[in-house]
């Protein structure tokens, strides 16, 4: 009886943790101010385009006007817009892509503000900024929010959709340390020192 009760407790705890994880993931994916909605409607160039979400969570969309989208996940928004545009369209070929506007800074060739898709990787985002410089350390990429470095591990092949990145964040590429950046100089100094020591010993 005790074992059965323990199993039920473990099951309930696991269920609650899964629910919390799913809720956190959905929250991370939700639209916020600064995000951009890329709307592509088949054979409707006048209705297609990129539309910014303001700080109140509102986007001005063609035909629909000011639309409250803040807090919605892309999948839910897509279904909602398909229904909304059904009044004006004879088809339902609508694509909705959420873009985050982030800064790519540090040791990159063209630091600046870029719009990134969730399907992109960290390497793709760095490529938008021209890639890392020769002094940059692509193995250590920091995610900065509000001036603070977040404790997350980012690799070049990390998909942005798998991170908590959101509009206004920074991807920062630090420079490699001096020794790594100047191995040639260090090698020359060491070789010269060894030669000098040998000469003195003789």
N, C-alpha and C. Protein backbone atom coordinates (compact mmCIF):
# COMPACT_ATOMS: atom_id res chain seq x y z
N UNK A 1 0.83 -1.21 0.00
CA UNK A 1 0.00 0.00 0.00
C UNK A 1 0.87 1.26 0.00
N UNK A 2 1.93 1.23 0.82
CA UNK A 2 2.85 2.38 0.88
C UNK A 2 3.51 2.61 -0.48
N UNK A 3 3.91 1.50 -1.14
CA UNK A 3 4.58 1.61 -2.44
C UNK A 3 3.64 2.21 -3.48
N UNK A 4 2.37 1.79 -3.44
CA UNK A 4 1.39 2.32 -4.39
C UNK A 4 1.19 3.82 -4.18
N UNK A 5 1.12 4.22 -2.89
CA UNK A 5 0.94 5.64 -2.60
C UNK A 5 2.16 6.44 -3.06
N UNK A 6 3.36 5.88 -2.85
CA UNK A 6 4.59 6.57 -3.27
C UNK A 6 4.62 6.74 -4.79
N UNK A 7 4.15 5.69 -5.51
CA UNK A 7 4.12 5.78 -6.97
C UNK A 7 3.17 6.88 -7.43
N UNK A 8 2.01 7.00 -6.74
CA UNK A 8 1.04 8.03 -7.11
C UNK A 8 1.63 9.43 -6.86
N UNK A 9 2.34 9.58 -5.75
CA UNK A 9 2.95 10.87 -5.44
C UNK A 9 4.00 11.24 -6.47
N UNK A 10 4.84 10.27 -6.82
CA UNK A 10 5.88 10.50 -7.82
C UNK A 10 5.25 10.88 -9.16
N UNK A 11 4.17 10.20 -9.53
CA UNK A 11 3.48 10.48 -10.79
C UNK A 11 2.94 11.91 -10.80
N UNK A 12 2.30 12.31 -9.68
CA UNK A 12 1.72 13.65 -9.60
C UNK A 12 2.80 14.74 -9.67
N UNK A 13 3.91 14.50 -8.96
CA UNK A 13 5.02 15.46 -9.00
C UNK A 13 5.57 15.58 -10.41
N UNK A 14 5.76 14.46 -11.08
CA UNK A 14 6.25 14.48 -12.45
C UNK A 14 5.30 15.20 -13.38
N UNK A 15 4.00 14.95 -13.18
CA UNK A 15 2.99 15.60 -14.02
C UNK A 15 3.03 17.12 -13.83
N UNK A 16 3.15 17.56 -12.57
CA UNK A 16 3.19 18.99 -12.29
C UNK A 16 4.45 19.63 -12.87
N UNK A 17 5.59 18.94 -12.77
CA UNK A 17 6.83 19.49 -13.31
C UNK A 17 6.76 19.61 -14.83
N UNK A 18 6.17 18.62 -15.47
CA UNK A 18 6.01 18.68 -16.93
C UNK A 18 5.13 19.86 -17.32
N UNK A 19 4.07 20.03 -16.54
CA UNK A 19 3.16 21.14 -16.83
C UNK A 19 3.85 22.49 -16.67
N UNK A 20 4.67 22.61 -15.61
CA UNK A 20 5.39 23.86 -15.39
C UNK A 20 6.40 24.10 -16.51
N UNK A 21 7.08 23.04 -16.94
CA UNK A 21 8.06 23.17 -18.02
C UNK A 21 7.38 23.59 -19.31
N UNK A 22 6.22 22.98 -19.59
CA UNK A 22 5.48 23.34 -20.80
C UNK A 22 5.01 24.78 -20.75
N UNK A 23 4.56 25.20 -19.56
CA UNK A 23 4.10 26.58 -19.39
C UNK A 23 5.25 27.56 -19.58
N UNK A 24 6.42 27.22 -19.03
CA UNK A 24 7.59 28.10 -19.18
C UNK A 24 8.01 28.20 -20.64
N UNK A 25 7.98 27.05 -21.35
CA UNK A 25 8.36 27.06 -22.76
C UNK A 25 7.39 27.91 -23.58
N UNK A 26 6.09 27.77 -23.28
CA UNK A 26 5.09 28.55 -24.00
C UNK A 26 5.27 30.04 -23.72
N UNK A 27 5.59 30.37 -22.46
CA UNK A 27 5.80 31.77 -22.10
C UNK A 27 7.01 32.35 -22.82
N UNK A 28 8.08 31.56 -22.93
CA UNK A 28 9.28 32.02 -23.61
C UNK A 28 9.02 32.25 -25.09
N UNK A 29 8.10 31.48 -25.66
CA UNK A 29 7.79 31.57 -27.07
C UNK A 29 6.77 32.65 -27.38
N UNK A 30 6.11 33.20 -26.37
CA UNK A 30 5.02 34.15 -26.57
C UNK A 30 5.53 35.47 -27.15
N UNK A 31 4.66 36.16 -27.88
CA UNK A 31 5.02 37.43 -28.48
C UNK A 31 5.13 38.52 -27.42
N UNK A 32 6.14 39.39 -27.62
CA UNK A 32 6.37 40.52 -26.72
C UNK A 32 6.63 41.76 -27.55
N UNK A 33 6.64 42.90 -26.85
CA UNK A 33 6.97 44.14 -27.52
C UNK A 33 8.35 44.07 -28.15
N UNK A 34 8.47 44.56 -29.37
CA UNK A 34 9.74 44.51 -30.09
C UNK A 34 9.81 43.36 -31.07
N UNK A 35 8.98 42.32 -30.87
CA UNK A 35 8.95 41.21 -31.82
C UNK A 35 8.34 41.68 -33.15
N UNK A 36 8.59 40.91 -34.18
CA UNK A 36 8.05 41.23 -35.50
C UNK A 36 7.28 40.02 -36.02
N UNK A 37 6.11 40.27 -36.55
CA UNK A 37 5.30 39.22 -37.16
C UNK A 37 5.52 39.28 -38.67
N UNK A 38 6.08 38.22 -39.22
CA UNK A 38 6.22 38.14 -40.68
C UNK A 38 5.01 37.38 -41.21
N UNK A 39 4.20 38.07 -41.95
CA UNK A 39 2.95 37.51 -42.46
C UNK A 39 3.07 37.30 -43.96
N UNK A 40 2.89 36.07 -44.39
CA UNK A 40 2.95 35.76 -45.82
C UNK A 40 1.65 35.09 -46.23
N UNK A 41 0.92 35.76 -47.10
CA UNK A 41 -0.37 35.25 -47.57
C UNK A 41 -0.26 35.01 -49.07
N UNK A 42 -0.54 33.80 -49.48
CA UNK A 42 -0.38 33.39 -50.87
C UNK A 42 -1.16 34.30 -51.80
N UNK A 43 -0.44 34.85 -52.81
CA UNK A 43 -1.01 35.70 -53.85
C UNK A 43 -1.68 36.96 -53.29
N UNK A 44 -1.23 37.38 -52.12
CA UNK A 44 -1.79 38.60 -51.51
C UNK A 44 -0.64 39.49 -51.01
N UNK A 45 0.13 40.10 -51.93
CA UNK A 45 1.28 40.92 -51.50
C UNK A 45 0.86 42.12 -50.66
N UNK A 46 -0.33 42.63 -50.88
CA UNK A 46 -0.79 43.79 -50.11
C UNK A 46 -1.08 43.43 -48.65
N UNK A 47 -1.33 42.16 -48.39
CA UNK A 47 -1.63 41.73 -47.04
C UNK A 47 -0.40 41.13 -46.34
N UNK A 48 0.66 40.92 -47.13
CA UNK A 48 1.86 40.30 -46.59
C UNK A 48 2.86 41.38 -46.16
N UNK A 49 3.77 41.00 -45.29
CA UNK A 49 4.80 41.93 -44.84
C UNK A 49 5.26 41.62 -43.43
N UNK A 50 6.03 42.53 -42.86
CA UNK A 50 6.53 42.39 -41.49
C UNK A 50 5.94 43.50 -40.63
N UNK A 51 5.40 43.10 -39.48
CA UNK A 51 4.66 44.04 -38.64
C UNK A 51 5.16 43.94 -37.20
N UNK A 52 5.54 45.08 -36.66
CA UNK A 52 6.15 45.12 -35.33
C UNK A 52 5.09 45.11 -34.23
N UNK A 53 5.41 44.38 -33.16
CA UNK A 53 4.55 44.35 -31.98
C UNK A 53 5.03 45.47 -31.05
N UNK A 54 4.11 46.37 -30.66
CA UNK A 54 4.52 47.49 -29.81
C UNK A 54 4.59 47.07 -28.35
N UNK A 55 4.93 48.01 -27.48
CA UNK A 55 5.13 47.69 -26.07
C UNK A 55 3.84 47.27 -25.37
N UNK A 56 2.70 47.57 -25.98
CA UNK A 56 1.41 47.16 -25.42
C UNK A 56 0.96 45.80 -25.96
N UNK A 57 1.80 45.17 -26.80
CA UNK A 57 1.44 43.87 -27.36
C UNK A 57 0.50 43.96 -28.53
N UNK A 58 0.47 45.13 -29.20
CA UNK A 58 -0.45 45.35 -30.32
C UNK A 58 0.34 45.45 -31.62
N UNK A 59 -0.16 44.80 -32.66
CA UNK A 59 0.41 44.90 -34.00
C UNK A 59 -0.67 45.40 -34.95
N UNK A 60 -0.30 46.31 -35.84
CA UNK A 60 -1.26 46.81 -36.83
C UNK A 60 -1.14 45.95 -38.07
N UNK A 61 -2.17 45.15 -38.33
CA UNK A 61 -2.14 44.18 -39.42
C UNK A 61 -3.08 44.63 -40.54
N UNK A 62 -2.73 44.33 -41.80
CA UNK A 62 -3.57 44.72 -42.93
C UNK A 62 -5.00 44.18 -42.79
N UNK A 63 -5.95 45.02 -43.10
CA UNK A 63 -7.38 44.70 -43.03
C UNK A 63 -7.90 44.54 -41.61
N UNK A 64 -7.06 44.03 -40.70
CA UNK A 64 -7.51 43.78 -39.34
C UNK A 64 -7.30 44.98 -38.43
N UNK A 65 -6.35 45.84 -38.80
CA UNK A 65 -6.06 47.00 -37.97
C UNK A 65 -5.32 46.62 -36.71
N UNK A 66 -5.38 47.46 -35.66
CA UNK A 66 -4.69 47.15 -34.40
C UNK A 66 -5.20 45.84 -33.81
N UNK A 67 -4.28 44.91 -33.60
CA UNK A 67 -4.63 43.57 -33.13
C UNK A 67 -3.80 43.21 -31.91
N UNK A 68 -4.45 42.83 -30.83
CA UNK A 68 -3.75 42.43 -29.62
C UNK A 68 -3.15 41.04 -29.82
N UNK A 69 -1.80 40.95 -29.80
CA UNK A 69 -1.13 39.67 -30.04
C UNK A 69 -0.17 39.33 -28.90
N UNK A 70 0.06 40.27 -27.99
CA UNK A 70 1.00 40.03 -26.90
C UNK A 70 0.62 38.84 -26.06
N UNK A 71 1.62 38.02 -25.74
CA UNK A 71 1.39 36.84 -24.90
C UNK A 71 0.96 35.61 -25.67
N UNK A 72 0.72 35.74 -26.98
CA UNK A 72 0.30 34.58 -27.77
C UNK A 72 1.49 33.85 -28.36
N UNK A 73 1.38 32.54 -28.45
CA UNK A 73 2.40 31.73 -29.11
C UNK A 73 2.17 31.79 -30.62
N UNK A 74 3.22 31.62 -31.42
CA UNK A 74 3.07 31.69 -32.87
C UNK A 74 2.02 30.74 -33.43
N UNK A 75 1.95 29.52 -32.90
CA UNK A 75 0.97 28.55 -33.42
C UNK A 75 -0.46 29.03 -33.18
N UNK A 76 -0.71 29.55 -31.97
CA UNK A 76 -2.04 30.05 -31.65
C UNK A 76 -2.38 31.26 -32.49
N UNK A 77 -1.38 32.14 -32.71
CA UNK A 77 -1.61 33.33 -33.52
C UNK A 77 -1.90 32.95 -34.97
N UNK A 78 -1.18 31.96 -35.49
CA UNK A 78 -1.42 31.51 -36.85
C UNK A 78 -2.87 31.06 -37.03
N UNK A 79 -3.34 30.22 -36.11
CA UNK A 79 -4.72 29.73 -36.19
C UNK A 79 -5.71 30.89 -36.11
N UNK A 80 -5.40 31.84 -35.26
CA UNK A 80 -6.30 33.00 -35.10
C UNK A 80 -6.36 33.84 -36.37
N UNK A 81 -5.19 34.07 -36.99
CA UNK A 81 -5.16 34.90 -38.20
C UNK A 81 -5.79 34.19 -39.39
N UNK A 82 -5.62 32.87 -39.46
CA UNK A 82 -6.27 32.11 -40.53
C UNK A 82 -7.78 32.31 -40.47
N UNK A 83 -8.33 32.25 -39.27
CA UNK A 83 -9.77 32.45 -39.11
C UNK A 83 -10.16 33.90 -39.43
N UNK A 84 -9.33 34.85 -38.99
CA UNK A 84 -9.66 36.26 -39.20
C UNK A 84 -9.63 36.63 -40.68
N UNK A 85 -8.62 36.10 -41.40
CA UNK A 85 -8.49 36.45 -42.81
C UNK A 85 -9.41 35.62 -43.71
N UNK A 86 -10.05 34.61 -43.16
CA UNK A 86 -10.98 33.81 -43.95
C UNK A 86 -12.12 34.67 -44.50
N UNK A 87 -12.39 35.77 -43.84
CA UNK A 87 -13.45 36.68 -44.29
C UNK A 87 -13.08 37.38 -45.59
N UNK A 88 -11.75 37.53 -45.82
CA UNK A 88 -11.30 38.27 -47.00
C UNK A 88 -10.71 37.37 -48.08
N UNK A 89 -10.38 36.12 -47.75
CA UNK A 89 -9.67 35.24 -48.67
C UNK A 89 -10.51 34.03 -49.04
N UNK A 90 -10.18 33.46 -50.19
CA UNK A 90 -10.84 32.23 -50.62
C UNK A 90 -9.98 31.01 -50.34
N UNK A 91 -8.85 31.22 -49.72
CA UNK A 91 -7.96 30.11 -49.37
C UNK A 91 -7.43 30.35 -47.96
N UNK A 92 -6.66 29.40 -47.46
CA UNK A 92 -6.11 29.51 -46.11
C UNK A 92 -4.61 29.31 -46.11
N UNK A 93 -3.97 29.76 -47.18
CA UNK A 93 -2.51 29.63 -47.28
C UNK A 93 -1.86 30.84 -46.61
N UNK A 94 -1.70 30.74 -45.30
CA UNK A 94 -1.14 31.83 -44.51
C UNK A 94 0.04 31.29 -43.69
N UNK A 95 1.14 32.00 -43.78
CA UNK A 95 2.32 31.64 -42.99
C UNK A 95 2.62 32.75 -42.01
N UNK A 96 2.79 32.40 -40.75
CA UNK A 96 3.12 33.38 -39.72
C UNK A 96 4.45 32.97 -39.08
N UNK A 97 5.43 33.87 -39.12
CA UNK A 97 6.74 33.61 -38.54
C UNK A 97 7.04 34.71 -37.53
N UNK A 98 7.46 34.32 -36.35
CA UNK A 98 7.82 35.28 -35.32
C UNK A 98 9.31 35.58 -35.40
N UNK A 99 9.65 36.85 -35.50
CA UNK A 99 11.05 37.28 -35.55
C UNK A 99 11.40 38.01 -34.26
N UNK A 100 12.56 37.69 -33.71
CA UNK A 100 13.08 38.43 -32.56
C UNK A 100 14.07 39.47 -33.07
N UNK A 101 14.04 40.64 -32.48
CA UNK A 101 15.01 41.69 -32.83
C UNK A 101 16.06 41.74 -31.73
N UNK A 102 17.27 41.31 -32.07
CA UNK A 102 18.35 41.23 -31.08
C UNK A 102 19.57 41.98 -31.58
N UNK A 103 20.45 42.30 -30.66
CA UNK A 103 21.73 42.90 -31.01
C UNK A 103 22.81 41.82 -31.02
N UNK A 104 23.63 41.84 -32.05
CA UNK A 104 24.78 40.95 -32.11
C UNK A 104 26.01 41.84 -31.98
N UNK A 105 26.70 41.71 -30.85
CA UNK A 105 27.78 42.63 -30.51
C UNK A 105 29.07 41.90 -30.16
N UNK A 106 30.11 42.68 -29.88
CA UNK A 106 31.38 42.08 -29.50
C UNK A 106 32.30 41.91 -30.69
N UNK A 107 33.04 40.83 -30.69
CA UNK A 107 34.03 40.58 -31.74
C UNK A 107 33.39 39.98 -32.98
N UNK A 108 32.49 40.76 -33.62
CA UNK A 108 31.89 40.38 -34.90
C UNK A 108 32.20 41.48 -35.91
N UNK A 109 32.11 41.17 -37.18
CA UNK A 109 32.52 42.12 -38.20
C UNK A 109 31.54 43.28 -38.38
N UNK A 110 30.26 43.02 -38.22
CA UNK A 110 29.26 44.06 -38.41
C UNK A 110 28.27 44.07 -37.25
N UNK A 111 28.69 44.54 -36.07
CA UNK A 111 27.79 44.55 -34.92
C UNK A 111 26.58 45.44 -35.20
N UNK A 112 25.43 45.02 -34.70
CA UNK A 112 24.22 45.80 -34.92
C UNK A 112 22.97 45.06 -34.51
N UNK A 113 21.83 45.61 -34.94
CA UNK A 113 20.52 45.06 -34.61
C UNK A 113 20.03 44.20 -35.77
N UNK A 114 19.59 42.97 -35.45
CA UNK A 114 19.17 42.04 -36.50
C UNK A 114 17.88 41.33 -36.09
N UNK A 115 17.11 40.96 -37.11
CA UNK A 115 15.89 40.17 -36.90
C UNK A 115 16.22 38.71 -37.15
N UNK A 116 15.92 37.85 -36.20
CA UNK A 116 16.27 36.44 -36.32
C UNK A 116 15.02 35.57 -36.20
N UNK A 117 15.03 34.47 -36.94
CA UNK A 117 13.93 33.52 -36.90
C UNK A 117 14.23 32.43 -35.86
N UNK A 118 13.20 31.82 -35.30
CA UNK A 118 13.42 30.78 -34.29
C UNK A 118 14.11 29.54 -34.85
N UNK A 119 14.01 29.32 -36.17
CA UNK A 119 14.64 28.14 -36.77
C UNK A 119 16.15 28.33 -36.95
N UNK A 120 16.62 29.55 -36.78
CA UNK A 120 18.04 29.82 -36.96
C UNK A 120 18.85 29.31 -35.77
N UNK A 121 20.13 29.10 -36.00
CA UNK A 121 21.04 28.73 -34.94
C UNK A 121 21.82 29.97 -34.49
N UNK A 122 22.57 29.83 -33.41
CA UNK A 122 23.42 30.92 -32.96
C UNK A 122 24.42 31.30 -34.04
N UNK A 123 24.95 30.29 -34.74
CA UNK A 123 25.90 30.54 -35.82
C UNK A 123 25.24 31.36 -36.93
N UNK A 124 23.98 31.07 -37.23
CA UNK A 124 23.26 31.83 -38.25
C UNK A 124 23.13 33.29 -37.84
N UNK A 125 22.83 33.52 -36.56
CA UNK A 125 22.70 34.90 -36.07
C UNK A 125 24.03 35.64 -36.17
N UNK A 126 25.13 34.95 -35.86
CA UNK A 126 26.45 35.57 -35.96
C UNK A 126 26.79 35.85 -37.43
N UNK A 127 26.34 34.98 -38.31
CA UNK A 127 26.61 35.18 -39.74
C UNK A 127 25.93 36.45 -40.26
N UNK A 128 24.76 36.78 -39.70
CA UNK A 128 24.10 38.03 -40.10
C UNK A 128 24.99 39.23 -39.81
N UNK A 129 25.79 39.12 -38.76
CA UNK A 129 26.70 40.20 -38.37
C UNK A 129 28.08 40.04 -39.00
N UNK A 130 28.16 39.22 -40.04
CA UNK A 130 29.43 39.05 -40.76
C UNK A 130 30.36 38.02 -40.17
N UNK A 131 29.90 37.32 -39.13
CA UNK A 131 30.74 36.31 -38.49
C UNK A 131 31.70 36.94 -37.48
N UNK A 132 32.40 36.09 -36.76
CA UNK A 132 33.33 36.59 -35.74
C UNK A 132 34.62 37.10 -36.39
N UNK A 133 35.27 38.01 -35.71
CA UNK A 133 36.57 38.50 -36.18
C UNK A 133 37.64 37.49 -35.79
N UNK A 134 38.87 37.74 -36.23
CA UNK A 134 39.95 36.82 -35.89
C UNK A 134 40.24 36.82 -34.39
N UNK A 135 39.85 37.92 -33.71
CA UNK A 135 40.06 37.99 -32.26
C UNK A 135 38.90 37.38 -31.47
N UNK A 136 37.80 37.10 -32.16
CA UNK A 136 36.61 36.61 -31.47
C UNK A 136 36.72 35.17 -31.02
N UNK A 137 35.97 34.84 -29.98
CA UNK A 137 35.96 33.49 -29.44
C UNK A 137 34.57 32.87 -29.69
N UNK A 138 34.40 32.15 -30.82
CA UNK A 138 33.08 31.61 -31.15
C UNK A 138 32.65 30.48 -30.22
N UNK A 139 33.57 30.00 -29.38
CA UNK A 139 33.21 28.92 -28.46
C UNK A 139 32.59 29.42 -27.16
N UNK A 140 32.64 30.74 -26.97
CA UNK A 140 32.02 31.31 -25.78
C UNK A 140 31.16 32.50 -26.21
N UNK A 141 29.87 32.30 -26.24
CA UNK A 141 28.93 33.33 -26.67
C UNK A 141 28.01 33.63 -25.50
N UNK A 142 27.93 34.89 -25.14
CA UNK A 142 27.13 35.29 -23.99
C UNK A 142 25.77 35.81 -24.43
N UNK A 143 24.75 35.48 -23.64
CA UNK A 143 23.42 36.04 -23.84
C UNK A 143 23.21 37.07 -22.74
N UNK A 144 23.02 38.32 -23.14
CA UNK A 144 22.93 39.43 -22.18
C UNK A 144 21.54 40.05 -22.26
N UNK A 145 20.96 40.27 -21.10
CA UNK A 145 19.62 40.89 -21.01
C UNK A 145 19.65 41.96 -19.92
N UNK A 146 19.31 43.17 -20.30
CA UNK A 146 19.30 44.24 -19.32
C UNK A 146 20.65 44.50 -18.70
N UNK A 147 21.72 44.28 -19.46
CA UNK A 147 23.07 44.51 -18.95
C UNK A 147 23.64 43.38 -18.13
N UNK A 148 22.88 42.30 -17.98
CA UNK A 148 23.36 41.17 -17.17
C UNK A 148 23.52 39.92 -18.03
N UNK A 149 24.63 39.21 -17.81
CA UNK A 149 24.88 37.97 -18.53
C UNK A 149 24.03 36.86 -17.94
N UNK A 150 23.25 36.19 -18.79
CA UNK A 150 22.40 35.10 -18.33
C UNK A 150 23.19 33.80 -18.25
N UNK A 151 22.91 32.97 -17.25
CA UNK A 151 23.64 31.71 -17.07
C UNK A 151 23.15 30.61 -18.02
N UNK A 152 23.39 30.81 -19.31
CA UNK A 152 22.98 29.80 -20.29
C UNK A 152 24.19 29.43 -21.15
N UNK A 153 24.21 28.19 -21.60
CA UNK A 153 25.30 27.72 -22.46
C UNK A 153 24.84 27.78 -23.91
N UNK A 154 25.54 28.56 -24.70
CA UNK A 154 25.19 28.70 -26.11
C UNK A 154 26.32 28.16 -26.97
N UNK A 155 26.00 27.20 -27.81
CA UNK A 155 26.96 26.68 -28.78
C UNK A 155 26.57 27.19 -30.16
N UNK A 156 27.48 27.07 -31.11
CA UNK A 156 27.21 27.57 -32.45
C UNK A 156 25.98 26.91 -33.08
N UNK A 157 25.77 25.62 -32.75
CA UNK A 157 24.66 24.90 -33.36
C UNK A 157 23.38 24.94 -32.51
N UNK A 158 23.37 25.74 -31.45
CA UNK A 158 22.17 25.86 -30.63
C UNK A 158 21.08 26.60 -31.40
N UNK A 159 19.91 26.00 -31.49
CA UNK A 159 18.79 26.65 -32.18
C UNK A 159 18.19 27.72 -31.28
N UNK A 160 17.88 28.87 -31.86
CA UNK A 160 17.34 29.97 -31.08
C UNK A 160 16.01 29.59 -30.43
N UNK A 161 15.25 28.71 -31.09
CA UNK A 161 13.96 28.28 -30.53
C UNK A 161 14.14 27.49 -29.25
N UNK A 162 15.35 26.94 -29.04
CA UNK A 162 15.61 26.14 -27.84
C UNK A 162 16.17 26.99 -26.71
N UNK A 163 16.26 28.31 -26.93
CA UNK A 163 16.79 29.20 -25.91
C UNK A 163 15.68 30.11 -25.38
N UNK A 164 16.02 30.92 -24.40
CA UNK A 164 15.07 31.89 -23.84
C UNK A 164 15.25 33.26 -24.47
N UNK A 165 15.96 33.34 -25.59
CA UNK A 165 16.25 34.63 -26.21
C UNK A 165 14.96 35.33 -26.61
N UNK A 166 14.95 36.65 -26.42
CA UNK A 166 13.79 37.44 -26.82
C UNK A 166 14.24 38.81 -27.31
N UNK A 167 13.33 39.53 -27.92
CA UNK A 167 13.68 40.83 -28.48
C UNK A 167 14.27 41.74 -27.40
N UNK A 168 15.32 42.45 -27.79
CA UNK A 168 16.02 43.33 -26.86
C UNK A 168 17.25 42.70 -26.25
N UNK A 169 17.40 41.38 -26.39
CA UNK A 169 18.58 40.70 -25.86
C UNK A 169 19.80 40.96 -26.74
N UNK A 170 20.96 40.60 -26.20
CA UNK A 170 22.21 40.73 -26.93
C UNK A 170 22.92 39.38 -27.01
N UNK A 171 23.43 39.06 -28.19
CA UNK A 171 24.38 37.97 -28.34
C UNK A 171 25.75 38.63 -28.39
N UNK A 172 26.59 38.32 -27.41
CA UNK A 172 27.88 38.99 -27.31
C UNK A 172 29.01 37.98 -27.49
N UNK A 173 29.90 38.28 -28.44
CA UNK A 173 31.07 37.43 -28.69
C UNK A 173 32.30 38.10 -28.07
N UNK A 174 32.84 37.53 -27.00
CA UNK A 174 34.04 38.13 -26.37
C UNK A 174 35.29 37.82 -27.19
N UNK A 175 36.33 38.56 -26.92
CA UNK A 175 37.61 38.28 -27.57
C UNK A 175 38.31 37.13 -26.87
N UNK A 176 39.10 36.39 -27.64
CA UNK A 176 39.93 35.35 -27.03
C UNK A 176 40.99 35.99 -26.16
N UNK A 177 41.53 35.23 -25.19
CA UNK A 177 42.55 35.81 -24.32
C UNK A 177 43.82 36.11 -25.11
N UNK A 178 44.68 36.94 -24.49
CA UNK A 178 45.86 37.43 -25.20
C UNK A 178 46.76 36.30 -25.67
N UNK A 179 46.96 35.29 -24.84
CA UNK A 179 47.84 34.18 -25.23
C UNK A 179 47.31 33.45 -26.45
N UNK A 180 46.00 33.22 -26.48
CA UNK A 180 45.41 32.51 -27.62
C UNK A 180 45.51 33.34 -28.89
N UNK A 181 45.34 34.66 -28.75
CA UNK A 181 45.37 35.53 -29.92
C UNK A 181 46.78 35.79 -30.43
N UNK A 182 47.79 35.50 -29.61
CA UNK A 182 49.16 35.82 -29.99
C UNK A 182 50.08 34.63 -29.82
N UNK A 183 49.63 33.48 -30.27
CA UNK A 183 50.44 32.26 -30.13
C UNK A 183 51.76 32.37 -30.89
N UNK A 184 51.74 33.08 -32.02
CA UNK A 184 52.97 33.24 -32.80
C UNK A 184 54.02 34.02 -32.03
N UNK A 185 53.59 35.11 -31.39
CA UNK A 185 54.52 35.93 -30.61
C UNK A 185 55.05 35.13 -29.42
N UNK A 186 54.15 34.41 -28.74
CA UNK A 186 54.56 33.62 -27.58
C UNK A 186 55.55 32.55 -27.99
N UNK A 187 55.30 31.89 -29.11
CA UNK A 187 56.20 30.84 -29.59
C UNK A 187 57.58 31.42 -29.92
N UNK A 188 57.58 32.58 -30.55
CA UNK A 188 58.85 33.23 -30.89
C UNK A 188 59.65 33.60 -29.64
N UNK A 189 58.93 34.14 -28.62
CA UNK A 189 59.60 34.53 -27.37
C UNK A 189 60.19 33.30 -26.68
N UNK A 190 59.40 32.21 -26.64
CA UNK A 190 59.87 31.00 -25.98
C UNK A 190 61.09 30.43 -26.71
N UNK A 191 61.00 30.40 -28.06
CA UNK A 191 62.12 29.86 -28.85
C UNK A 191 63.37 30.71 -28.65
N UNK A 192 63.18 32.03 -28.62
CA UNK A 192 64.33 32.92 -28.43
C UNK A 192 64.94 32.75 -27.04
N UNK A 193 64.08 32.58 -26.04
CA UNK A 193 64.57 32.39 -24.68
C UNK A 193 65.37 31.11 -24.56
N UNK A 194 64.86 30.04 -25.18
CA UNK A 194 65.57 28.75 -25.15
C UNK A 194 66.93 28.87 -25.83
N UNK A 195 66.95 29.57 -26.97
CA UNK A 195 68.21 29.74 -27.71
C UNK A 195 69.22 30.52 -26.88
N UNK A 196 68.70 31.56 -26.18
CA UNK A 196 69.59 32.38 -25.35
C UNK A 196 70.15 31.58 -24.18
N UNK A 197 69.30 30.74 -23.57
CA UNK A 197 69.76 29.92 -22.45
C UNK A 197 70.82 28.94 -22.92
N UNK A 198 70.59 28.32 -24.06
CA UNK A 198 71.56 27.35 -24.61
C UNK A 198 72.89 28.05 -24.89
N UNK A 199 72.82 29.26 -25.46
CA UNK A 199 74.03 30.00 -25.79
C UNK A 199 74.81 30.36 -24.52
N UNK A 200 74.11 30.73 -23.45
CA UNK A 200 74.76 31.08 -22.20
C UNK A 200 75.40 29.86 -21.54
N UNK A 201 74.72 28.73 -21.64
CA UNK A 201 75.25 27.50 -21.05
C UNK A 201 76.54 27.09 -21.74
N UNK A 202 76.61 27.26 -23.03
CA UNK A 202 77.81 26.90 -23.77
C UNK A 202 78.97 27.85 -23.42
